[in-house]
Amino acid sequence: MKISKNKALDISFFEKSYCIRHDIFWNYRGKGYDHPGFGFYLTLFNCTIIEFDFYDVRHAEDLP
């Protein structure tokens, strides 16, 4: 989902067929990387994954 000219937000929910463990994962991409921003991923007890990703749609060479 586009938030502004250069920012986007993705939120996804889906189920895995199996679950080995429960995880919480935080991801940060700073300047110098393609699509800088941050993400959060959570595996719940019933193996449902929640993904949250807020990022800049531009590539590293296009950033000011």
PDB file of N, CA and C in Angstrom:
ATOM      1  N   MET A   1       0.851  -1.156   0.000  1.00  0.00           N
ATOM      2  CA  MET A   1       0.000   0.000   0.000  1.00  0.00           C
ATOM      3  C   MET A   1       0.905   1.230   0.000  1.00  0.00           C
ATOM      4  N   LYS A   2       0.707   2.105  -0.955  1.00  0.00           N
ATOM      5  CA  LYS A   2       1.514   3.312  -1.064  1.00  0.00           C
ATOM      6  C   LYS A   2       1.026   4.345  -0.042  1.00  0.00           C
ATOM      7  N   ILE A   3       1.953   4.859   0.767  1.00  0.00           N
ATOM      8  CA  ILE A   3       1.634   5.855   1.798  1.00  0.00           C
ATOM      9  C   ILE A   3       1.841   7.266   1.254  1.00  0.00           C
ATOM     10  N   SER A   4       2.939   7.450   0.540  1.00  0.00           N
ATOM     11  CA  SER A   4       3.251   8.736  -0.080  1.00  0.00           C
ATOM     12  C   SER A   4       3.993   8.453  -1.387  1.00  0.00           C
ATOM     13  N   LYS A   5       4.546   9.488  -2.002  1.00  0.00           N
ATOM     14  CA  LYS A   5       5.239   9.316  -3.280  1.00  0.00           C
ATOM     15  C   LYS A   5       6.347   8.268  -3.206  1.00  0.00           C
ATOM     16  N   ASN A   6       7.114   8.250  -2.106  1.00  0.00           N
ATOM     17  CA  ASN A   6       8.264   7.357  -1.996  1.00  0.00           C
ATOM     18  C   ASN A   6       8.186   6.339  -0.862  1.00  0.00           C
ATOM     19  N   LYS A   7       7.092   6.300  -0.116  1.00  0.00           N
ATOM     20  CA  LYS A   7       6.974   5.390   1.028  1.00  0.00           C
ATOM     21  C   LYS A   7       5.833   4.404   0.809  1.00  0.00           C
ATOM     22  N   ALA A   8       6.060   3.170   1.293  1.00  0.00           N
ATOM     23  CA  ALA A   8       5.041   2.133   1.169  1.00  0.00           C
ATOM     24  C   ALA A   8       4.974   1.327   2.460  1.00  0.00           C
ATOM     25  N   LEU A   9       3.821   0.716   2.697  1.00  0.00           N
ATOM     26  CA  LEU A   9       3.580  -0.110   3.871  1.00  0.00           C
ATOM     27  C   LEU A   9       2.956  -1.410   3.404  1.00  0.00           C
ATOM     28  N   ASP A  10       3.521  -2.534   3.839  1.00  0.00           N
ATOM     29  CA  ASP A  10       2.971  -3.853   3.537  1.00  0.00           C
ATOM     30  C   ASP A  10       2.670  -4.561   4.848  1.00  0.00           C
ATOM     31  N   ILE A  11       1.465  -5.101   4.967  1.00  0.00           N
ATOM     32  CA  ILE A  11       1.088  -5.927   6.112  1.00  0.00           C
ATOM     33  C   ILE A  11       0.499  -7.209   5.543  1.00  0.00           C
ATOM     34  N   SER A  12       1.054  -8.348   5.943  1.00  0.00           N
ATOM     35  CA  SER A  12       0.607  -9.637   5.407  1.00  0.00           C
ATOM     36  C   SER A  12       0.348 -10.614   6.540  1.00  0.00           C
ATOM     37  N   PHE A  13      -0.652 -11.451   6.359  1.00  0.00           N
ATOM     38  CA  PHE A  13      -0.971 -12.542   7.275  1.00  0.00           C
ATOM     39  C   PHE A  13      -1.049 -13.822   6.443  1.00  0.00           C
ATOM     40  N   PHE A  14      -0.359 -14.862   6.852  1.00  0.00           N
ATOM     41  CA  PHE A  14      -0.470 -16.130   6.159  1.00  0.00           C
ATOM     42  C   PHE A  14      -0.088 -17.268   7.083  1.00  0.00           C
ATOM     43  N   GLU A  15      -0.466 -18.478   6.719  1.00  0.00           N
ATOM     44  CA  GLU A  15      -0.180 -19.657   7.527  1.00  0.00           C
ATOM     45  C   GLU A  15       0.852 -20.540   6.864  1.00  0.00           C
ATOM     46  N   LYS A  16       1.721 -21.113   7.686  1.00  0.00           N
ATOM     47  CA  LYS A  16       2.673 -22.105   7.206  1.00  0.00           C
ATOM     48  C   LYS A  16       2.075 -23.483   7.455  1.00  0.00           C
ATOM     49  N   SER A  17       2.498 -24.452   6.675  1.00  0.00           N
ATOM     50  CA  SER A  17       1.975 -25.810   6.844  1.00  0.00           C
ATOM     51  C   SER A  17       2.587 -26.505   8.063  1.00  0.00           C
ATOM     52  N   TYR A  18       3.743 -26.042   8.516  1.00  0.00           N
ATOM     53  CA  TYR A  18       4.363 -26.606   9.710  1.00  0.00           C
ATOM     54  C   TYR A  18       5.089 -25.493  10.452  1.00  0.00           C
ATOM     55  N   CYS A  19       5.352 -25.716  11.706  1.00  0.00           N
ATOM     56  CA  CYS A  19       6.000 -24.703  12.525  1.00  0.00           C
ATOM     57  C   CYS A  19       7.025 -25.384  13.427  1.00  0.00           C
ATOM     58  N   ILE A  20       8.284 -25.030  13.268  1.00  0.00           N
ATOM     59  CA  ILE A  20       9.340 -25.625  14.085  1.00  0.00           C
ATOM     60  C   ILE A  20       9.521 -24.838  15.385  1.00  0.00           C
ATOM     61  N   ARG A  21       9.445 -23.541  15.283  1.00  0.00           N
ATOM     62  CA  ARG A  21       9.612 -22.706  16.475  1.00  0.00           C
ATOM     63  C   ARG A  21       8.849 -21.404  16.292  1.00  0.00           C
ATOM     64  N   HIS A  22       8.802 -20.621  17.328  1.00  0.00           N
ATOM     65  CA  HIS A  22       8.126 -19.333  17.300  1.00  0.00           C
ATOM     66  C   HIS A  22       9.197 -18.254  17.255  1.00  0.00           C
ATOM     67  N   ASP A  23       9.030 -17.295  16.365  1.00  0.00           N
ATOM     68  CA  ASP A  23      10.057 -16.283  16.158  1.00  0.00           C
ATOM     69  C   ASP A  23       9.480 -14.881  16.174  1.00  0.00           C
ATOM     70  N   ILE A  24      10.327 -13.958  16.570  1.00  0.00           N
ATOM     71  CA  ILE A  24      10.099 -12.527  16.385  1.00  0.00           C
ATOM     72  C   ILE A  24      11.364 -12.012  15.714  1.00  0.00           C
ATOM     73  N   PHE A  25      11.206 -11.332  14.602  1.00  0.00           N
ATOM     74  CA  PHE A  25      12.351 -10.870  13.839  1.00  0.00           C
ATOM     75  C   PHE A  25      12.166  -9.407  13.497  1.00  0.00           C
ATOM     76  N   TRP A  26      13.185  -8.604  13.743  1.00  0.00           N
ATOM     77  CA  TRP A  26      13.196  -7.175  13.451  1.00  0.00           C
ATOM     78  C   TRP A  26      14.259  -6.920  12.401  1.00  0.00           C
ATOM     79  N   ASN A  27      13.948  -6.154  11.368  1.00  0.00           N
ATOM     80  CA  ASN A  27      14.878  -5.887  10.288  1.00  0.00           C
ATOM     81  C   ASN A  27      14.939  -4.381  10.029  1.00  0.00           C
ATOM     82  N   TYR A  28      16.146  -3.833   9.921  1.00  0.00           N
ATOM     83  CA  TYR A  28      16.320  -2.415   9.614  1.00  0.00           C
ATOM     84  C   TYR A  28      17.289  -2.281   8.440  1.00  0.00           C
ATOM     85  N   ARG A  29      16.895  -1.529   7.424  1.00  0.00           N
ATOM     86  CA  ARG A  29      17.750  -1.232   6.275  1.00  0.00           C
ATOM     87  C   ARG A  29      17.950   0.280   6.231  1.00  0.00           C
ATOM     88  N   GLY A  30      19.172   0.736   6.454  1.00  0.00           N
ATOM     89  CA  GLY A  30      19.470   2.164   6.477  1.00  0.00           C
ATOM     90  C   GLY A  30      19.820   2.696   5.099  1.00  0.00           C
ATOM     91  N   LYS A  31      20.201   3.975   5.061  1.00  0.00           N
ATOM     92  CA  LYS A  31      20.625   4.583   3.798  1.00  0.00           C
ATOM     93  C   LYS A  31      21.792   3.800   3.220  1.00  0.00           C
ATOM     94  N   GLY A  32      21.867   3.736   1.919  1.00  0.00           N
ATOM     95  CA  GLY A  32      22.897   2.966   1.259  1.00  0.00           C
ATOM     96  C   GLY A  32      22.403   1.596   0.814  1.00  0.00           C
ATOM     97  N   TYR A  33      21.230   1.188   1.292  1.00  0.00           N
ATOM     98  CA  TYR A  33      20.620  -0.074   0.888  1.00  0.00           C
ATOM     99  C   TYR A  33      19.424   0.213  -0.018  1.00  0.00           C
ATOM    100  N   ASP A  34      19.095  -0.742  -0.879  1.00  0.00           N
ATOM    101  CA  ASP A  34      17.866  -0.617  -1.660  1.00  0.00           C
ATOM    102  C   ASP A  34      16.672  -0.679  -0.716  1.00  0.00           C
ATOM    103  N   HIS A  35      15.694   0.149  -0.974  1.00  0.00           N
ATOM    104  CA  HIS A  35      14.446   0.186  -0.212  1.00  0.00           C
ATOM    105  C   HIS A  35      14.678   0.302   1.298  1.00  0.00           C
ATOM    106  N   PRO A  36      15.339   1.382   1.752  1.00  0.00           N
ATOM    107  CA  PRO A  36      15.583   1.516   3.190  1.00  0.00           C
ATOM    108  C   PRO A  36      14.271   1.586   3.964  1.00  0.00           C
ATOM    109  N   GLY A  37      14.293   1.041   5.155  1.00  0.00           N
ATOM    110  CA  GLY A  37      13.115   1.039   6.014  1.00  0.00           C
ATOM    111  C   GLY A  37      13.270  -0.018   7.088  1.00  0.00           C
ATOM    112  N   PHE A  38      12.144  -0.483   7.632  1.00  0.00           N
ATOM    113  CA  PHE A  38      12.207  -1.495   8.670  1.00  0.00           C
ATOM    114  C   PHE A  38      11.057  -2.485   8.509  1.00  0.00           C
ATOM    115  N   GLY A  39      11.269  -3.649   9.075  1.00  0.00           N
ATOM    116  CA  GLY A  39      10.260  -4.691   9.010  1.00  0.00           C
ATOM    117  C   GLY A  39      10.178  -5.444  10.323  1.00  0.00           C
ATOM    118  N   PHE A  40       9.029  -6.059  10.568  1.00  0.00           N
ATOM    119  CA  PHE A  40       8.780  -6.833  11.765  1.00  0.00           C
ATOM    120  C   PHE A  40       8.035  -8.094  11.342  1.00  0.00           C
ATOM    121  N   TYR A  41       8.497  -9.242  11.799  1.00  0.00           N
ATOM    122  CA  TYR A  41       7.896 -10.514  11.436  1.00  0.00           C
ATOM    123  C   TYR A  41       7.638 -11.301  12.708  1.00  0.00           C
ATOM    124  N   LEU A  42       6.468 -11.902  12.824  1.00  0.00           N
ATOM    125  CA  LEU A  42       6.080 -12.618  14.036  1.00  0.00           C
ATOM    126  C   LEU A  42       5.441 -13.938  13.660  1.00  0.00           C
ATOM    127  N   THR A  43       5.947 -15.032  14.241  1.00  0.00           N
ATOM    128  CA  THR A  43       5.339 -16.345  14.082  1.00  0.00           C
ATOM    129  C   THR A  43       4.565 -16.646  15.357  1.00  0.00           C
ATOM    130  N   LEU A  44       3.284 -16.885  15.229  1.00  0.00           N
ATOM    131  CA  LEU A  44       2.434 -17.166  16.379  1.00  0.00           C
ATOM    132  C   LEU A  44       2.300 -18.670  16.598  1.00  0.00           C
ATOM    133  N   PHE A  45       1.629 -19.053  17.660  1.00  0.00           N
ATOM    134  CA  PHE A  45       1.516 -20.458  18.048  1.00  0.00           C
ATOM    135  C   PHE A  45       0.843 -21.334  17.000  1.00  0.00           C
ATOM    136  N   ASN A  46      -0.114 -20.812  16.278  1.00  0.00           N
ATOM    137  CA  ASN A  46      -0.787 -21.631  15.265  1.00  0.00           C
ATOM    138  C   ASN A  46      -0.106 -21.522  13.908  1.00  0.00           C
ATOM    139  N   CYS A  47       1.152 -21.057  13.895  1.00  0.00           N
ATOM    140  CA  CYS A  47       1.965 -20.934  12.684  1.00  0.00           C
ATOM    141  C   CYS A  47       1.467 -19.862  11.723  1.00  0.00           C
ATOM    142  N   THR A  48       0.729 -18.918  12.210  1.00  0.00           N
ATOM    143  CA  THR A  48       0.354 -17.771  11.397  1.00  0.00           C
ATOM    144  C   THR A  48       1.486 -16.764  11.448  1.00  0.00           C
ATOM    145  N   ILE A  49       1.869 -16.290  10.290  1.00  0.00           N
ATOM    146  CA  ILE A  49       2.943 -15.309  10.188  1.00  0.00           C
ATOM    147  C   ILE A  49       2.313 -13.936   9.978  1.00  0.00           C
ATOM    148  N   ILE A  50       2.809 -12.955  10.703  1.00  0.00           N
ATOM    149  CA  ILE A  50       2.416 -11.569  10.495  1.00  0.00           C
ATOM    150  C   ILE A  50       3.664 -10.830  10.035  1.00  0.00           C
ATOM    151  N   GLU A  51       3.590 -10.206   8.882  1.00  0.00           N
ATOM    152  CA  GLU A  51       4.697  -9.420   8.359  1.00  0.00           C
ATOM    153  C   GLU A  51       4.262  -7.962   8.258  1.00  0.00           C
ATOM    154  N   PHE A  52       5.107  -7.079   8.744  1.00  0.00           N
ATOM    155  CA  PHE A  52       4.897  -5.643   8.669  1.00  0.00           C
ATOM    156  C   PHE A  52       6.160  -5.063   8.075  1.00  0.00           C
ATOM    157  N   ASP A  53       6.048  -4.321   6.986  1.00  0.00           N
ATOM    158  CA  ASP A  53       7.231  -3.751   6.331  1.00  0.00           C
ATOM    159  C   ASP A  53       6.921  -2.323   5.889  1.00  0.00           C
ATOM    160  N   PHE A  54       7.696  -1.368   6.372  1.00  0.00           N
ATOM    161  CA  PHE A  54       7.585   0.044   5.994  1.00  0.00           C
ATOM    162  C   PHE A  54       8.887   0.422   5.317  1.00  0.00           C
ATOM    163  N   TYR A  55       8.827   0.897   4.079  1.00  0.00           N
ATOM    164  CA  TYR A  55      10.054   1.094   3.316  1.00  0.00           C
ATOM    165  C   TYR A  55       9.915   2.202   2.276  1.00  0.00           C
ATOM    166  N   ASP A  56      11.067   2.643   1.786  1.00  0.00           N
ATOM    167  CA  ASP A  56      11.158   3.605   0.703  1.00  0.00           C
ATOM    168  C   ASP A  56      11.176   2.800  -0.601  1.00  0.00           C
ATOM    169  N   VAL A  57      10.394   3.187  -1.574  1.00  0.00           N
ATOM    170  CA  VAL A  57      10.286   2.428  -2.816  1.00  0.00           C
ATOM    171  C   VAL A  57      11.471   2.630  -3.754  1.00  0.00           C
ATOM    172  N   ARG A  58      12.335   3.602  -3.478  1.00  0.00           N
ATOM    173  CA  ARG A  58      13.464   3.895  -4.359  1.00  0.00           C
ATOM    174  C   ARG A  58      14.645   2.968  -4.086  1.00  0.00           C
ATOM    175  N   HIS A  59      15.489   2.817  -5.090  1.00  0.00           N
ATOM    176  CA  HIS A  59      16.726   2.056  -4.948  1.00  0.00           C
ATOM    177  C   HIS A  59      17.831   2.968  -4.408  1.00  0.00           C
ATOM    178  N   ALA A  60      18.896   2.384  -3.882  1.00  0.00           N
ATOM    179  CA  ALA A  60      19.980   3.128  -3.247  1.00  0.00           C
ATOM    180  C   ALA A  60      20.549   4.210  -4.131  1.00  0.00           C
ATOM    181  N   GLU A  61      20.739   3.927  -5.427  1.00  0.00           N
ATOM    182  CA  GLU A  61      21.336   4.923  -6.326  1.00  0.00           C
ATOM    183  C   GLU A  61      20.391   6.081  -6.639  1.00  0.00           C
ATOM    184  N   ASP A  62      19.099   5.935  -6.342  1.00  0.00           N
ATOM    185  CA  ASP A  62      18.124   6.997  -6.594  1.00  0.00           C
ATOM    186  C   ASP A  62      17.851   7.872  -5.384  1.00  0.00           C
ATOM    187  N   LEU A  63      18.405   7.507  -4.232  1.00  0.00           N
ATOM    188  CA  LEU A  63      18.163   8.271  -2.996  1.00  0.00           C
ATOM    189  C   LEU A  63      19.035   9.519  -2.956  1.00  0.00           C
ATOM    190  N   PRO A  64      18.527  10.585  -2.338  1.00  0.00           N
ATOM    191  CA  PRO A  64      19.325  11.810  -2.235  1.00  0.00           C
ATOM    192  C   PRO A  64      20.500  11.667  -1.280  1.00  0.00           C
TER     193      PRO A  64
END
